[in-house]
């Protein structure tokens, strides 16, 4: 099973927020953000921090693919 973060990238566009702004607000390491850009797994802690800043749920930012 694979993950993708398309919903997150779309949400950033909708909220007129850059990836750099999100990274600063969540204190996510550049290497972790790079993993997300490549649709790789990241820790649940990272996803929760993003949800907290974006005021959304996990299913709003991550999709599972078969």
PDB file of N, CA and C in Angstrom:
ATOM      1  N   UNK A   1       0.839  -1.171   0.000  1.00  0.00           N
ATOM      2  CA  UNK A   1       0.000   0.000   0.000  1.00  0.00           C
ATOM      3  C   UNK A   1       0.892   1.246   0.000  1.00  0.00           C
ATOM      4  N   UNK A   2       0.481   2.245  -0.732  1.00  0.00           N
ATOM      5  CA  UNK A   2       1.267   3.473  -0.823  1.00  0.00           C
ATOM      6  C   UNK A   2       0.456   4.656  -0.316  1.00  0.00           C
ATOM      7  N   UNK A   3       1.147   5.722   0.026  1.00  0.00           N
ATOM      8  CA  UNK A   3       0.487   6.952   0.444  1.00  0.00           C
ATOM      9  C   UNK A   3       0.767   8.049  -0.569  1.00  0.00           C
ATOM     10  N   UNK A   4      -0.135   9.022  -0.612  1.00  0.00           N
ATOM     11  CA  UNK A   4       0.167  10.232  -1.357  1.00  0.00           C
ATOM     12  C   UNK A   4      -0.396  11.417  -0.593  1.00  0.00           C
ATOM     13  N   UNK A   5       0.176  12.560  -0.834  1.00  0.00           N
ATOM     14  CA  UNK A   5      -0.173  13.775  -0.108  1.00  0.00           C
ATOM     15  C   UNK A   5      -0.800  14.815  -1.027  1.00  0.00           C
ATOM     16  N   UNK A   6      -1.443  14.361  -2.103  1.00  0.00           N
ATOM     17  CA  UNK A   6      -2.063  15.277  -3.064  1.00  0.00           C
ATOM     18  C   UNK A   6      -3.068  16.212  -2.397  1.00  0.00           C
ATOM     19  N   UNK A   7      -3.828  15.661  -1.468  1.00  0.00           N
ATOM     20  CA  UNK A   7      -4.829  16.474  -0.777  1.00  0.00           C
ATOM     21  C   UNK A   7      -4.159  17.613   0.004  1.00  0.00           C
ATOM     22  N   UNK A   8      -3.017  17.326   0.598  1.00  0.00           N
ATOM     23  CA  UNK A   8      -2.291  18.367   1.337  1.00  0.00           C
ATOM     24  C   UNK A   8      -1.817  19.456   0.398  1.00  0.00           C
ATOM     25  N   UNK A   9      -1.225  19.077  -0.725  1.00  0.00           N
ATOM     26  CA  UNK A   9      -0.708  20.088  -1.664  1.00  0.00           C
ATOM     27  C   UNK A   9      -1.850  20.947  -2.204  1.00  0.00           C
ATOM     28  N   UNK A  10      -3.000  20.317  -2.460  1.00  0.00           N
ATOM     29  CA  UNK A  10      -4.163  21.084  -2.930  1.00  0.00           C
ATOM     30  C   UNK A  10      -4.657  22.038  -1.845  1.00  0.00           C
ATOM     31  N   UNK A  11      -4.671  21.559  -0.601  1.00  0.00           N
ATOM     32  CA  UNK A  11      -5.114  22.397   0.507  1.00  0.00           C
ATOM     33  C   UNK A  11      -4.207  23.621   0.658  1.00  0.00           C
ATOM     34  N   UNK A  12      -2.908  23.414   0.477  1.00  0.00           N
ATOM     35  CA  UNK A  12      -1.980  24.550   0.555  1.00  0.00           C
ATOM     36  C   UNK A  12      -2.308  25.588  -0.508  1.00  0.00           C
ATOM     37  N   UNK A  13      -2.598  25.139  -1.710  1.00  0.00           N
ATOM     38  CA  UNK A  13      -2.966  26.057  -2.791  1.00  0.00           C
ATOM     39  C   UNK A  13      -4.257  26.784  -2.427  1.00  0.00           C
ATOM     40  N   UNK A  14      -5.246  26.043  -1.955  1.00  0.00           N
ATOM     41  CA  UNK A  14      -6.538  26.637  -1.601  1.00  0.00           C
ATOM     42  C   UNK A  14      -6.407  27.685  -0.491  1.00  0.00           C
ATOM     43  N   UNK A  15      -5.476  27.455   0.434  1.00  0.00           N
ATOM     44  CA  UNK A  15      -5.281  28.385   1.550  1.00  0.00           C
ATOM     45  C   UNK A  15      -4.194  29.413   1.267  1.00  0.00           C
ATOM     46  N   UNK A  16      -3.687  29.399   0.032  1.00  0.00           N
ATOM     47  CA  UNK A  16      -2.650  30.341  -0.393  1.00  0.00           C
ATOM     48  C   UNK A  16      -1.443  30.308   0.562  1.00  0.00           C
ATOM     49  N   UNK A  17      -1.007  29.097   0.870  1.00  0.00           N
ATOM     50  CA  UNK A  17       0.136  28.896   1.760  1.00  0.00           C
ATOM     51  C   UNK A  17       1.216  28.128   1.009  1.00  0.00           C
ATOM     52  N   UNK A  18       2.445  28.553   1.149  1.00  0.00           N
ATOM     53  CA  UNK A  18       3.544  27.860   0.474  1.00  0.00           C
ATOM     54  C   UNK A  18       4.012  26.678   1.311  1.00  0.00           C
ATOM     55  N   UNK A  19       4.728  25.779   0.672  1.00  0.00           N
ATOM     56  CA  UNK A  19       5.303  24.641   1.393  1.00  0.00           C
ATOM     57  C   UNK A  19       6.292  25.133   2.443  1.00  0.00           C
ATOM     58  N   UNK A  20       7.024  26.181   2.107  1.00  0.00           N
ATOM     59  CA  UNK A  20       7.998  26.741   3.059  1.00  0.00           C
ATOM     60  C   UNK A  20       7.293  27.286   4.304  1.00  0.00           C
ATOM     61  N   UNK A  21       6.170  27.948   4.123  1.00  0.00           N
ATOM     62  CA  UNK A  21       5.406  28.463   5.264  1.00  0.00           C
ATOM     63  C   UNK A  21       4.926  27.322   6.161  1.00  0.00           C
ATOM     64  N   UNK A  22       4.408  26.269   5.538  1.00  0.00           N
ATOM     65  CA  UNK A  22       3.950  25.123   6.308  1.00  0.00           C
ATOM     66  C   UNK A  22       5.106  24.492   7.075  1.00  0.00           C
ATOM     67  N   UNK A  23       6.228  24.369   6.418  1.00  0.00           N
ATOM     68  CA  UNK A  23       7.403  23.774   7.057  1.00  0.00           C
ATOM     69  C   UNK A  23       7.841  24.603   8.265  1.00  0.00           C
ATOM     70  N   UNK A  24       7.815  25.928   8.137  1.00  0.00           N
ATOM     71  CA  UNK A  24       8.198  26.800   9.253  1.00  0.00           C
ATOM     72  C   UNK A  24       7.214  26.674  10.416  1.00  0.00           C
ATOM     73  N   UNK A  25       5.921  26.672  10.113  1.00  0.00           N
ATOM     74  CA  UNK A  25       4.903  26.625  11.165  1.00  0.00           C
ATOM     75  C   UNK A  25       4.884  25.291  11.899  1.00  0.00           C
ATOM     76  N   UNK A  26       5.235  24.224  11.220  1.00  0.00           N
ATOM     77  CA  UNK A  26       5.181  22.892  11.825  1.00  0.00           C
ATOM     78  C   UNK A  26       6.536  22.417  12.327  1.00  0.00           C
ATOM     79  N   UNK A  27       7.584  23.142  12.004  1.00  0.00           N
ATOM     80  CA  UNK A  27       8.960  22.757  12.399  1.00  0.00           C
ATOM     81  C   UNK A  27       9.345  21.393  11.837  1.00  0.00           C
ATOM     82  N   UNK A  28       8.895  21.126  10.601  1.00  0.00           N
ATOM     83  CA  UNK A  28       9.227  19.869   9.940  1.00  0.00           C
ATOM     84  C   UNK A  28      10.593  20.014   9.270  1.00  0.00           C
ATOM     85  N   UNK A  29      11.433  19.014   9.431  1.00  0.00           N
ATOM     86  CA  UNK A  29      12.771  19.036   8.828  1.00  0.00           C
ATOM     87  C   UNK A  29      12.658  19.006   7.301  1.00  0.00           C
ATOM     88  N   UNK A  30      13.578  19.675   6.618  1.00  0.00           N
ATOM     89  CA  UNK A  30      13.563  19.641   5.150  1.00  0.00           C
ATOM     90  C   UNK A  30      13.588  18.215   4.589  1.00  0.00           C
ATOM     91  N   UNK A  31      14.313  17.330   5.236  1.00  0.00           N
ATOM     92  CA  UNK A  31      14.394  15.944   4.746  1.00  0.00           C
ATOM     93  C   UNK A  31      13.041  15.240   4.846  1.00  0.00           C
ATOM     94  N   UNK A  32      12.289  15.538   5.884  1.00  0.00           N
ATOM     95  CA  UNK A  32      10.956  14.951   6.034  1.00  0.00           C
ATOM     96  C   UNK A  32      10.027  15.505   4.965  1.00  0.00           C
ATOM     97  N   UNK A  33      10.139  16.799   4.708  1.00  0.00           N
ATOM     98  CA  UNK A  33       9.306  17.410   3.681  1.00  0.00           C
ATOM     99  C   UNK A  33       9.643  16.836   2.311  1.00  0.00           C
ATOM    100  N   UNK A  34      10.908  16.529   2.098  1.00  0.00           N
ATOM    101  CA  UNK A  34      11.336  15.906   0.841  1.00  0.00           C
ATOM    102  C   UNK A  34      10.690  14.527   0.691  1.00  0.00           C
ATOM    103  N   UNK A  35      10.637  13.771   1.783  1.00  0.00           N
ATOM    104  CA  UNK A  35       9.972  12.463   1.750  1.00  0.00           C
ATOM    105  C   UNK A  35       8.510  12.614   1.349  1.00  0.00           C
ATOM    106  N   UNK A  36       7.857  13.606   1.910  1.00  0.00           N
ATOM    107  CA  UNK A  36       6.449  13.828   1.587  1.00  0.00           C
ATOM    108  C   UNK A  36       6.281  14.206   0.124  1.00  0.00           C
ATOM    109  N   UNK A  37       7.192  14.989  -0.400  1.00  0.00           N
ATOM    110  CA  UNK A  37       7.132  15.377  -1.807  1.00  0.00           C
ATOM    111  C   UNK A  37       7.269  14.166  -2.725  1.00  0.00           C
ATOM    112  N   UNK A  38       7.929  13.127  -2.220  1.00  0.00           N
ATOM    113  CA  UNK A  38       8.112  11.893  -2.983  1.00  0.00           C
ATOM    114  C   UNK A  38       7.113  10.804  -2.576  1.00  0.00           C
ATOM    115  N   UNK A  39       6.074  11.203  -1.858  1.00  0.00           N
ATOM    116  CA  UNK A  39       5.025  10.275  -1.404  1.00  0.00           C
ATOM    117  C   UNK A  39       5.585   9.094  -0.619  1.00  0.00           C
ATOM    118  N   UNK A  40       6.519   9.388   0.266  1.00  0.00           N
ATOM    119  CA  UNK A  40       7.078   8.368   1.147  1.00  0.00           C
ATOM    120  C   UNK A  40       6.443   8.498   2.526  1.00  0.00           C
ATOM    121  N   UNK A  41       6.561   7.443   3.328  1.00  0.00           N
ATOM    122  CA  UNK A  41       6.000   7.455   4.671  1.00  0.00           C
ATOM    123  C   UNK A  41       6.744   8.440   5.562  1.00  0.00           C
ATOM    124  N   UNK A  42       5.981   9.135   6.417  1.00  0.00           N
ATOM    125  CA  UNK A  42       6.549   9.979   7.467  1.00  0.00           C
ATOM    126  C   UNK A  42       5.853   9.605   8.769  1.00  0.00           C
ATOM    127  N   UNK A  43       6.390  10.081   9.886  1.00  0.00           N
ATOM    128  CA  UNK A  43       5.827   9.691  11.185  1.00  0.00           C
ATOM    129  C   UNK A  43       4.449  10.312  11.411  1.00  0.00           C
ATOM    130  N   UNK A  44       3.701   9.657  12.249  1.00  0.00           N
ATOM    131  CA  UNK A  44       2.376  10.154  12.600  1.00  0.00           C
ATOM    132  C   UNK A  44       2.483  11.506  13.293  1.00  0.00           C
ATOM    133  N   UNK A  45       3.538  11.714  14.056  1.00  0.00           N
ATOM    134  CA  UNK A  45       3.757  12.995  14.730  1.00  0.00           C
ATOM    135  C   UNK A  45       3.793  14.145  13.724  1.00  0.00           C
ATOM    136  N   UNK A  46       4.467  13.940  12.612  1.00  0.00           N
ATOM    137  CA  UNK A  46       4.549  14.963  11.566  1.00  0.00           C
ATOM    138  C   UNK A  46       3.169  15.257  11.006  1.00  0.00           C
ATOM    139  N   UNK A  47       2.416  14.217  10.718  1.00  0.00           N
ATOM    140  CA  UNK A  47       1.080  14.391  10.162  1.00  0.00           C
ATOM    141  C   UNK A  47       0.147  15.105  11.138  1.00  0.00           C
ATOM    142  N   UNK A  48       0.269  14.787  12.424  1.00  0.00           N
ATOM    143  CA  UNK A  48      -0.554  15.441  13.440  1.00  0.00           C
ATOM    144  C   UNK A  48      -0.205  16.921  13.539  1.00  0.00           C
ATOM    145  N   UNK A  49       1.073  17.257  13.470  1.00  0.00           N
ATOM    146  CA  UNK A  49       1.473  18.671  13.505  1.00  0.00           C
ATOM    147  C   UNK A  49       0.900  19.430  12.316  1.00  0.00           C
ATOM    148  N   UNK A  50       0.916  18.801  11.144  1.00  0.00           N
ATOM    149  CA  UNK A  50       0.343  19.433   9.952  1.00  0.00           C
ATOM    150  C   UNK A  50      -1.159  19.639  10.141  1.00  0.00           C
ATOM    151  N   UNK A  51      -1.844  18.615  10.621  1.00  0.00           N
ATOM    152  CA  UNK A  51      -3.288  18.722  10.843  1.00  0.00           C
ATOM    153  C   UNK A  51      -3.613  19.826  11.847  1.00  0.00           C
ATOM    154  N   UNK A  52      -2.782  19.971  12.846  1.00  0.00           N
ATOM    155  CA  UNK A  52      -2.996  21.010  13.852  1.00  0.00           C
ATOM    156  C   UNK A  52      -2.905  22.400  13.227  1.00  0.00           C
ATOM    157  N   UNK A  53      -1.903  22.609  12.409  1.00  0.00           N
ATOM    158  CA  UNK A  53      -1.713  23.918  11.756  1.00  0.00           C
ATOM    159  C   UNK A  53      -2.797  24.166  10.710  1.00  0.00           C
ATOM    160  N   UNK A  54      -3.138  23.127   9.956  1.00  0.00           N
ATOM    161  CA  UNK A  54      -4.107  23.287   8.874  1.00  0.00           C
ATOM    162  C   UNK A  54      -5.556  23.164   9.367  1.00  0.00           C
ATOM    163  N   UNK A  55      -5.723  22.797  10.646  1.00  0.00           N
ATOM    164  CA  UNK A  55      -7.058  22.617  11.241  1.00  0.00           C
ATOM    165  C   UNK A  55      -7.900  21.636  10.424  1.00  0.00           C
ATOM    166  N   UNK A  56      -7.367  20.421  10.310  1.00  0.00           N
ATOM    167  CA  UNK A  56      -8.027  19.389   9.519  1.00  0.00           C
ATOM    168  C   UNK A  56      -7.742  18.015  10.120  1.00  0.00           C
ATOM    169  N   UNK A  57      -8.264  16.978   9.500  1.00  0.00           N
ATOM    170  CA  UNK A  57      -8.019  15.612   9.933  1.00  0.00           C
ATOM    171  C   UNK A  57      -7.010  14.923   9.029  1.00  0.00           C
ATOM    172  N   UNK A  58      -6.539  13.767   9.455  1.00  0.00           N
ATOM    173  CA  UNK A  58      -5.561  13.015   8.668  1.00  0.00           C
ATOM    174  C   UNK A  58      -6.081  12.685   7.277  1.00  0.00           C
ATOM    175  N   UNK A  59      -7.354  12.330   7.190  1.00  0.00           N
ATOM    176  CA  UNK A  59      -7.911  11.965   5.886  1.00  0.00           C
ATOM    177  C   UNK A  59      -8.035  13.155   4.942  1.00  0.00           C
ATOM    178  N   UNK A  60      -7.835  14.369   5.464  1.00  0.00           N
ATOM    179  CA  UNK A  60      -7.854  15.558   4.619  1.00  0.00           C
ATOM    180  C   UNK A  60      -6.503  15.825   3.939  1.00  0.00           C
ATOM    181  N   UNK A  61      -5.447  15.138   4.415  1.00  0.00           N
ATOM    182  CA  UNK A  61      -4.116  15.419   3.862  1.00  0.00           C
ATOM    183  C   UNK A  61      -3.415  14.193   3.283  1.00  0.00           C
ATOM    184  N   UNK A  62      -3.883  12.994   3.633  1.00  0.00           N
ATOM    185  CA  UNK A  62      -3.213  11.769   3.180  1.00  0.00           C
ATOM    186  C   UNK A  62      -4.225  10.842   2.508  1.00  0.00           C
ATOM    187  N   UNK A  63      -3.809  10.228   1.409  1.00  0.00           N
ATOM    188  CA  UNK A  63      -4.615   9.204   0.736  1.00  0.00           C
ATOM    189  C   UNK A  63      -3.821   7.910   0.697  1.00  0.00           C
ATOM    190  N   UNK A  64      -4.524   6.809   0.897  1.00  0.00           N
ATOM    191  CA  UNK A  64      -3.901   5.496   0.785  1.00  0.00           C
ATOM    192  C   UNK A  64      -4.242   4.932  -0.584  1.00  0.00           C
ATOM    193  N   UNK A  65      -3.241   4.386  -1.273  1.00  0.00           N
ATOM    194  CA  UNK A  65      -3.446   3.795  -2.595  1.00  0.00           C
ATOM    195  C   UNK A  65      -3.037   2.334  -2.564  1.00  0.00           C
ATOM    196  N   UNK A  66      -3.734   1.528  -3.323  1.00  0.00           N
ATOM    197  CA  UNK A  66      -3.370   0.117  -3.434  1.00  0.00           C
ATOM    198  C   UNK A  66      -2.577  -0.120  -4.676  1.00  0.00           C
TER     199      UNK A  66
END
